[in-house]
Amino acid sequence: MIVVGAGPSGSTAARGCAKAGLKTLILDREKLPRFKACGGGVTVKVDRIIDYKIPEEIIERKAYGVRLNYWNKSNSHLREYPITNLVSRSRFDKFLADKTVEAGAELMDGTIVSSVSKEGSTQTVESSEGKFTAKMIVGADGVNSIVSERVRPRLTQDELASTIEAEVPMSPEEIDVKFGNFLDVYFGNSVGIGYGWIFPKNDHISVGVGSLLRMFKNPKQRFIEFLGKMKLPLDVELHPHLIPLGNPKRRVVSDGIILVGDAAGYADPLTGEGIYSAIHSGKLASETIVQAFDKNNFKEEFLSTYHTECRSAFSEEFRRARKAAWVIYGMPFISYPLIIGNKEVLEKYVDILAGETTYKAFKQWAQPKLPSLLLKGLLGR
């Protein structure tokens, strides 16, 4: 059993398999800990699907609310309890990988996978450290997954979002004053069609901008303009990366192969959030793989149970989120005032973020109220 990629999805899948007694090898191209471009928001709904506690020393700050900003207008919602734990992915991913090794998996970091092939009923991985074979491979190697090439075509522009971000050093005291325990999201301004974000950490803030790839023109220029607008230093290291837009119909299994996390395309098309679905998909993948070894059946038809369970658990929601993304980013002069001008809408969004409601339930709530919500938004009430 081989897992390619030691991010949240890969480590979760490997840990589940190792705990069940399967001989498990996990490969990652980088030496851990390693930098990973990511806002680092681990929503509290993750706590409901894991069997361990994220150590307090890993959590750099807890976010209790969301603050939306559109030009000179702002709308915020603050709760009495955290909605998101903010982490640095270098430390968080290392923690998850260590949990995997504790469960009995072997980790080979600094190992670059060059190809995956099938020889009879055996899956073969060619890497910088040699050839490895197994009956099952989990593709957890990100949006540009090599393993995914055995399952589906490469993602097109319409299936991707583009982001660029940086970590800006800042004292804890300054962060407390300027950002507190909010997730700050920015529309309009220098962002254009898309959104910007500032997530507070311990001694720095994560700053980024992103949009649907086809709509995101001159991302570097947009980002520099956004930094200037926020009165932040411009001499920071930029980290561009792509995010897959979740599609519940996209193939995620083939004979002897399961895709998880970004490799499966499991990220929220509206917000870009992917850690929850990465961990959830990794967990569901390990459960399916354990059953496959028990039945000695590694055919796509048998493994498709995993796809069905992911759709039921979270990925069917991506279809609704993707429609919302096209509306919000495609009609900003209507959608942005609607969001900024309605506290009810923001509160419902925070409910979605915390896993307390769904996009489906939000649609059912909003549709009959849409005329009054639009009026409130336009009037700023």
Protein backbone atom coordinates (compact mmCIF):
# COMPACT_ATOMS: atom_id res chain seq x y z
CA MET A 1 0.00 0.00 0.00
CA ILE A 2 1.62 3.26 -1.20
CA VAL A 3 0.49 6.83 -0.58
CA VAL A 4 2.01 9.56 -2.75
CA GLY A 5 1.91 12.86 -0.87
CA ALA A 6 2.18 13.64 2.85
CA GLY A 7 -0.28 16.53 3.12
CA PRO A 8 -3.45 16.27 5.22
CA SER A 9 -5.22 13.91 2.80
CA GLY A 10 -2.26 11.58 2.28
CA SER A 11 -1.25 11.40 5.93
CA THR A 12 -4.84 10.72 6.96
CA ALA A 13 -5.23 7.94 4.40
CA ALA A 14 -1.88 6.39 5.32
CA ARG A 15 -2.61 6.56 9.05
CA GLY A 16 -5.97 4.83 8.62
CA CYS A 17 -4.41 2.03 6.60
CA ALA A 18 -1.47 1.60 8.99
CA LYS A 19 -3.78 1.50 12.03
CA ALA A 20 -5.71 -1.32 10.32
CA GLY A 21 -2.50 -3.34 10.02
CA LEU A 22 -1.72 -2.72 6.34
CA LYS A 23 1.92 -2.32 5.36
CA THR A 24 1.94 1.33 4.33
CA LEU A 25 4.57 3.51 2.65
CA ILE A 26 4.06 7.25 2.27
CA LEU A 27 6.22 9.27 -0.13
CA ASP A 28 6.61 13.06 -0.33
CA ARG A 29 8.80 15.04 -2.70
CA GLU A 30 9.88 17.51 0.00
CA LYS A 31 11.69 17.01 3.28
CA LEU A 32 9.32 17.66 6.18
CA PRO A 33 8.65 20.17 7.57
CA ARG A 34 8.31 22.15 4.36
CA PHE A 35 6.58 25.38 3.39
CA LYS A 36 3.13 25.03 1.88
CA ALA A 37 1.24 27.95 0.38
CA CYS A 38 -2.07 27.97 2.21
CA GLY A 39 -4.16 30.27 4.37
CA GLY A 40 -3.96 27.59 7.05
CA GLY A 41 -7.57 27.64 8.21
CA VAL A 42 -8.55 24.32 9.81
CA THR A 43 -12.29 24.67 10.35
CA VAL A 44 -13.72 23.31 13.58
CA LYS A 45 -15.77 20.73 11.68
CA VAL A 46 -12.47 18.85 11.23
CA ASP A 47 -12.65 18.01 14.95
CA ARG A 48 -15.78 15.92 14.28
CA ILE A 49 -14.06 13.53 11.89
CA ILE A 50 -10.67 12.94 13.56
CA ASP A 51 -9.81 10.68 16.49
CA TYR A 52 -7.06 12.88 17.93
CA LYS A 53 -6.74 16.41 19.23
CA ILE A 54 -4.75 19.07 17.38
CA PRO A 55 -2.16 20.25 19.93
CA GLU A 56 -2.52 23.80 21.15
CA GLU A 57 1.10 24.51 20.24
CA ILE A 58 0.23 23.81 16.58
CA ILE A 59 -2.67 26.27 16.64
CA GLU A 60 -1.25 29.77 16.18
CA ARG A 61 -4.54 31.61 16.61
CA LYS A 62 -8.24 30.85 16.84
CA ALA A 63 -10.67 32.75 14.63
CA TYR A 64 -14.00 33.55 16.24
CA GLY A 65 -15.52 35.51 13.38
CA VAL A 66 -15.49 36.66 9.78
CA ARG A 67 -15.21 40.25 8.59
CA LEU A 68 -16.17 41.02 4.99
CA ASN A 69 -14.88 44.22 3.40
CA TYR A 70 -16.06 45.88 0.18
CA TRP A 71 -14.51 49.25 -0.64
CA ASN A 72 -15.30 51.39 2.42
CA LYS A 73 -18.01 49.10 3.78
CA SER A 74 -17.63 46.28 6.26
CA ASN A 75 -19.81 43.53 7.70
CA SER A 76 -18.68 41.30 10.55
CA HIS A 77 -19.99 38.43 12.63
CA LEU A 78 -18.23 37.35 15.83
CA ARG A 79 -19.07 34.26 17.84
CA GLU A 80 -18.34 33.22 21.39
CA TYR A 81 -16.56 30.08 20.25
CA PRO A 82 -13.93 29.43 17.54
CA ILE A 83 -14.97 28.66 13.98
CA THR A 84 -11.48 28.02 12.61
CA ASN A 85 -8.08 27.09 13.98
CA LEU A 86 -5.29 28.92 12.18
CA VAL A 87 -2.09 26.97 11.60
CA SER A 88 1.10 27.14 9.58
CA ARG A 89 1.00 24.24 7.16
CA SER A 90 4.66 23.38 7.68
CA ARG A 91 4.03 22.50 11.34
CA PHE A 92 0.53 21.10 10.79
CA ASP A 93 1.57 18.74 8.00
CA LYS A 94 4.60 17.57 10.01
CA PHE A 95 2.31 16.82 12.95
CA LEU A 96 0.00 14.75 10.74
CA ALA A 97 2.93 12.89 9.18
CA ASP A 98 4.29 12.10 12.64
CA LYS A 99 0.87 10.71 13.62
CA THR A 100 1.06 8.48 10.55
CA VAL A 101 4.49 7.14 11.47
CA GLU A 102 3.29 6.53 15.05
CA ALA A 103 0.52 4.37 13.59
CA GLY A 104 3.09 2.18 11.84
CA ALA A 105 3.49 3.69 8.37
CA GLU A 106 6.92 4.25 6.81
CA LEU A 107 7.61 7.80 5.64
CA MET A 108 10.12 8.54 2.88
CA ASP A 109 10.21 12.31 2.48
CA GLY A 110 12.49 13.94 -0.07
CA THR A 111 11.39 11.29 -2.58
CA ILE A 112 10.26 12.53 -6.00
CA VAL A 113 7.74 10.32 -7.82
CA SER A 114 8.25 10.44 -11.60
CA SER A 115 5.63 7.96 -12.86
CA VAL A 116 2.97 5.45 -11.90
CA SER A 117 2.16 2.39 -14.00
CA LYS A 118 0.34 -0.93 -13.80
CA GLU A 119 2.02 -4.29 -14.38
CA GLY A 120 -0.61 -7.02 -14.27
CA SER A 121 -2.43 -6.59 -10.95
CA THR A 122 0.46 -4.64 -9.41
CA GLN A 123 0.84 -0.86 -9.25
CA THR A 124 4.39 0.42 -9.75
CA VAL A 125 5.80 3.76 -8.60
CA GLU A 126 9.05 5.03 -10.09
CA SER A 127 10.84 7.52 -7.85
CA SER A 128 14.14 9.19 -7.12
CA GLU A 129 14.72 6.47 -4.51
CA GLY A 130 13.91 3.57 -6.81
CA LYS A 131 10.93 1.47 -7.76
CA PHE A 132 8.13 0.51 -5.36
CA THR A 133 5.21 -1.84 -5.97
CA ALA A 134 1.88 -2.35 -4.23
CA LYS A 135 -1.66 -3.53 -4.85
CA MET A 136 -3.06 -0.06 -4.05
CA ILE A 137 -1.87 3.50 -4.57
CA VAL A 138 -3.38 6.64 -3.08
CA GLY A 139 -2.81 9.81 -5.07
CA ALA A 140 -2.43 12.64 -2.55
CA ASP A 141 0.07 14.63 -4.60
CA GLY A 142 -1.86 17.83 -5.09
CA VAL A 143 -3.55 19.68 -7.91
CA ASN A 144 -0.81 18.74 -10.42
CA SER A 145 -0.98 15.10 -9.37
CA ILE A 146 1.07 12.56 -11.31
CA VAL A 147 -1.05 9.72 -9.93
CA SER A 148 -4.26 11.36 -11.19
CA GLU A 149 -3.07 10.90 -14.80
CA ARG A 150 -3.98 7.23 -14.38
CA VAL A 151 -7.54 8.18 -13.46
CA ARG A 152 -8.73 11.28 -15.36
CA PRO A 153 -7.60 13.95 -17.85
CA ARG A 154 -5.71 16.98 -16.58
CA LEU A 155 -7.86 19.75 -15.16
CA THR A 156 -8.80 22.55 -17.54
CA GLN A 157 -8.79 26.32 -16.90
CA ASP A 158 -12.50 26.18 -16.08
CA GLU A 159 -11.77 23.64 -13.32
CA LEU A 160 -9.14 25.70 -11.52
CA ALA A 161 -8.78 28.78 -9.36
CA SER A 162 -5.56 30.76 -9.15
CA THR A 163 -4.19 32.29 -5.96
CA ILE A 164 -1.08 34.14 -4.92
CA GLU A 165 -0.12 34.76 -1.32
CA ALA A 166 2.64 35.70 1.10
CA GLU A 167 3.44 35.63 4.79
CA VAL A 168 3.97 39.11 6.22
CA PRO A 169 5.87 39.33 9.54
CA MET A 170 4.03 41.29 12.23
CA SER A 171 4.17 41.46 16.01
CA PRO A 172 1.41 39.69 17.98
CA GLU A 173 0.44 43.03 19.51
CA GLU A 174 -0.04 44.67 16.11
CA ILE A 175 -2.01 41.67 14.87
CA ASP A 176 -4.27 41.90 17.92
CA VAL A 177 -5.02 45.56 17.22
CA LYS A 178 -5.48 45.37 13.45
CA PHE A 179 -7.04 41.96 12.92
CA GLY A 180 -7.83 40.37 16.26
CA ASN A 181 -9.52 37.00 15.91
CA PHE A 182 -11.24 37.69 12.61
CA LEU A 183 -10.83 36.10 9.21
CA ASP A 184 -10.72 39.19 7.00
CA VAL A 185 -12.07 38.81 3.46
CA TYR A 186 -11.90 41.62 0.88
CA PHE A 187 -13.98 42.17 -2.25
CA GLY A 188 -13.53 44.93 -4.80
CA ASN A 189 -10.68 47.34 -4.00
CA SER A 190 -7.58 46.13 -5.84
CA VAL A 191 -8.69 42.52 -5.92
CA GLY A 192 -10.85 42.78 -9.01
CA ILE A 193 -13.09 39.78 -9.72
CA GLY A 194 -12.29 37.45 -6.84
CA TYR A 195 -11.37 38.07 -3.24
CA GLY A 196 -8.45 38.83 -0.98
CA TRP A 197 -7.83 37.58 2.52
CA ILE A 198 -5.81 38.27 5.63
CA PHE A 199 -5.59 35.47 8.18
CA PRO A 200 -3.83 36.33 11.47
CA LYS A 201 -1.29 33.88 12.86
CA ASN A 202 1.14 34.18 15.78
CA ASP A 203 3.94 36.44 14.53
CA HIS A 204 2.78 36.98 10.94
CA ILE A 205 -0.31 37.27 8.78
CA SER A 206 -1.16 35.18 5.71
CA VAL A 207 -2.19 37.52 2.89
CA GLY A 208 -3.51 36.44 -0.47
CA VAL A 209 -5.75 37.08 -3.46
CA GLY A 210 -7.50 34.60 -5.69
CA SER A 211 -10.13 34.08 -8.35
CA LEU A 212 -11.34 31.64 -10.95
CA LEU A 213 -8.35 31.04 -13.22
CA ARG A 214 -10.08 32.17 -16.41
CA MET A 215 -11.11 35.45 -14.73
CA PHE A 216 -7.84 36.17 -12.90
CA LYS A 217 -5.80 38.54 -15.03
CA ASN A 218 -2.34 39.78 -13.93
CA PRO A 219 -2.40 38.04 -10.50
CA LYS A 220 1.01 39.36 -9.43
CA GLN A 221 0.00 42.94 -10.20
CA ARG A 222 -3.31 42.44 -8.39
CA PHE A 223 -1.52 41.10 -5.35
CA ILE A 224 1.00 43.94 -5.19
CA GLU A 225 -1.86 46.44 -5.50
CA PHE A 226 -3.71 44.66 -2.71
CA LEU A 227 -0.65 44.79 -0.44
CA GLY A 228 -0.33 48.51 -1.11
CA LYS A 229 -4.01 49.10 -0.43
CA MET A 230 -3.65 47.27 2.89
CA LYS A 231 -0.51 49.35 3.68
CA LEU A 232 1.60 46.20 3.93
CA PRO A 233 5.25 45.80 2.84
CA LEU A 234 5.79 44.92 -0.81
CA ASP A 235 9.15 43.17 -0.39
CA VAL A 236 7.69 39.76 0.48
CA GLU A 237 8.16 36.35 -1.10
CA LEU A 238 5.24 35.53 -3.40
CA HIS A 239 3.75 32.02 -3.57
CA PRO A 240 1.38 31.36 -6.49
CA HIS A 241 -0.60 28.12 -6.58
CA LEU A 242 -3.67 26.55 -8.12
CA ILE A 243 -6.78 25.21 -6.40
CA PRO A 244 -9.09 22.63 -8.01
CA LEU A 245 -12.76 23.53 -8.18
CA GLY A 246 -14.66 20.66 -6.61
CA ASN A 247 -16.83 18.66 -9.00
CA PRO A 248 -18.76 15.69 -7.58
CA LYS A 249 -18.90 13.99 -11.00
CA ARG A 250 -15.12 13.96 -11.56
CA ARG A 251 -13.56 10.47 -11.55
CA VAL A 252 -11.49 9.78 -8.44
CA VAL A 253 -10.85 6.00 -8.68
CA SER A 254 -9.57 3.43 -11.14
CA ASP A 255 -8.25 -0.10 -10.73
CA GLY A 256 -5.89 -0.05 -7.75
CA ILE A 257 -5.91 3.75 -7.40
CA ILE A 258 -7.80 6.24 -5.23
CA LEU A 259 -7.35 10.03 -5.39
CA VAL A 260 -7.77 12.20 -2.29
CA GLY A 261 -7.60 15.90 -1.39
CA ASP A 262 -6.51 18.31 -4.12
CA ALA A 263 -5.49 15.40 -6.37
CA ALA A 264 -9.18 14.37 -6.36
CA GLY A 265 -10.23 17.99 -6.86
CA TYR A 266 -11.76 18.19 -3.41
CA ALA A 267 -11.78 21.92 -2.59
CA ASP A 268 -14.69 24.28 -2.06
CA PRO A 269 -15.20 26.17 -5.37
CA LEU A 270 -16.52 29.27 -3.59
CA THR A 271 -13.95 29.74 -0.82
CA GLY A 272 -11.04 27.55 -1.93
CA GLU A 273 -11.03 25.83 1.48
CA GLY A 274 -9.70 22.30 1.14
CA ILE A 275 -8.25 21.03 4.43
CA TYR A 276 -11.54 19.64 5.72
CA SER A 277 -12.32 17.72 2.52
CA ALA A 278 -8.68 16.59 2.33
CA ILE A 279 -8.82 15.00 5.76
CA HIS A 280 -12.33 13.65 5.24
CA SER A 281 -11.46 12.11 1.87
CA GLY A 282 -8.29 10.59 3.34
CA LYS A 283 -10.32 8.98 6.10
CA LEU A 284 -12.94 7.59 3.70
CA ALA A 285 -10.21 6.35 1.34
CA SER A 286 -8.50 4.36 4.11
CA GLU A 287 -11.80 2.73 5.06
CA THR A 288 -12.42 1.67 1.46
CA ILE A 289 -8.86 0.39 1.06
CA VAL A 290 -9.07 -1.72 4.20
CA GLN A 291 -12.24 -3.31 2.79
CA ALA A 292 -10.51 -3.85 -0.57
CA PHE A 293 -7.67 -5.76 1.09
CA ASP A 294 -10.16 -7.76 3.16
CA LYS A 295 -12.04 -8.80 -0.01
CA ASN A 296 -8.90 -8.89 -2.19
CA ASN A 297 -10.76 -6.75 -4.68
CA PHE A 298 -9.01 -3.69 -6.10
CA LYS A 299 -11.21 -3.13 -9.14
CA GLU A 300 -12.62 0.30 -9.94
CA GLU A 301 -16.19 -0.95 -9.45
CA PHE A 302 -15.45 -2.02 -5.87
CA LEU A 303 -13.44 1.13 -5.05
CA SER A 304 -16.25 3.34 -6.38
CA THR A 305 -17.86 3.02 -2.95
CA TYR A 306 -15.33 5.67 -1.92
CA HIS A 307 -16.59 8.09 -4.59
CA THR A 308 -20.18 7.56 -3.48
CA GLU A 309 -19.32 8.16 0.18
CA CYS A 310 -17.39 11.35 -0.62
CA ARG A 311 -20.34 12.69 -2.60
CA SER A 312 -22.67 11.98 0.29
CA ALA A 313 -20.30 13.40 2.93
CA PHE A 314 -19.18 16.64 1.27
CA SER A 315 -18.49 16.76 -2.46
CA GLU A 316 -22.09 17.07 -3.67
CA GLU A 317 -22.04 20.42 -1.89
CA PHE A 318 -19.30 21.53 -4.31
CA ARG A 319 -21.82 21.60 -7.15
CA ARG A 320 -23.87 24.22 -5.31
CA ALA A 321 -20.78 26.12 -4.19
CA ARG A 322 -19.53 26.26 -7.77
CA LYS A 323 -22.81 27.78 -8.98
CA ALA A 324 -22.57 30.32 -6.17
CA ALA A 325 -19.00 31.17 -7.20
CA TRP A 326 -19.99 31.91 -10.79
CA VAL A 327 -22.83 34.14 -9.59
CA ILE A 328 -20.83 36.00 -6.93
CA TYR A 329 -17.67 36.54 -8.97
CA GLY A 330 -19.53 36.92 -12.28
CA MET A 331 -21.97 39.60 -11.05
CA PRO A 332 -19.95 41.48 -8.42
CA PHE A 333 -21.95 44.73 -8.50
CA ILE A 334 -25.03 42.81 -7.36
CA SER A 335 -23.54 40.04 -5.26
CA TYR A 336 -20.99 42.05 -3.25
CA PRO A 337 -23.51 44.60 -1.89
CA LEU A 338 -25.87 41.70 -1.14
CA ILE A 339 -23.21 40.04 0.99
CA ILE A 340 -21.86 43.19 2.62
CA GLY A 341 -25.28 44.70 3.31
CA ASN A 342 -26.87 41.70 5.06
CA LYS A 343 -25.82 40.42 8.45
CA GLU A 344 -28.19 37.47 8.00
CA VAL A 345 -26.31 36.35 4.89
CA LEU A 346 -22.96 36.59 6.68
CA GLU A 347 -24.25 34.65 9.69
CA LYS A 348 -25.46 31.86 7.39
CA TYR A 349 -22.08 31.80 5.65
CA VAL A 350 -20.33 31.41 9.01
CA ASP A 351 -22.72 28.54 9.76
CA ILE A 352 -21.54 26.86 6.54
CA LEU A 353 -17.90 27.48 7.42
CA ALA A 354 -18.40 25.91 10.86
CA GLY A 355 -20.21 22.90 9.39
CA GLU A 356 -23.50 23.77 11.05
CA THR A 357 -25.45 24.12 7.81
CA THR A 358 -24.99 23.45 4.08
CA TYR A 359 -25.11 25.33 0.78
CA LYS A 360 -28.32 23.42 0.04
CA ALA A 361 -29.94 24.63 3.26
CA PHE A 362 -28.69 28.17 2.58
CA LYS A 363 -30.30 28.15 -0.88
CA GLN A 364 -33.60 26.94 0.60
CA TRP A 365 -33.42 29.73 3.18
CA ALA A 366 -32.39 32.49 0.77
CA GLN A 367 -34.59 31.87 -2.28
CA PRO A 368 -37.92 33.07 -0.82
CA LYS A 369 -36.15 36.04 0.81
CA LEU A 370 -34.11 37.10 -2.21
CA PRO A 371 -36.04 40.29 -3.10
CA SER A 372 -35.85 41.64 0.46
CA LEU A 373 -32.19 40.56 0.81
CA LEU A 374 -31.28 42.39 -2.41
CA LEU A 375 -33.09 45.50 -1.21
CA LYS A 376 -31.31 45.41 2.14
CA GLY A 377 -28.00 44.95 0.38
CA LEU A 378 -28.53 47.90 -1.95
CA LEU A 379 -29.69 50.11 0.91
CA GLY A 380 -26.91 48.88 3.20
CA ARG A 381 -29.24 47.83 5.98
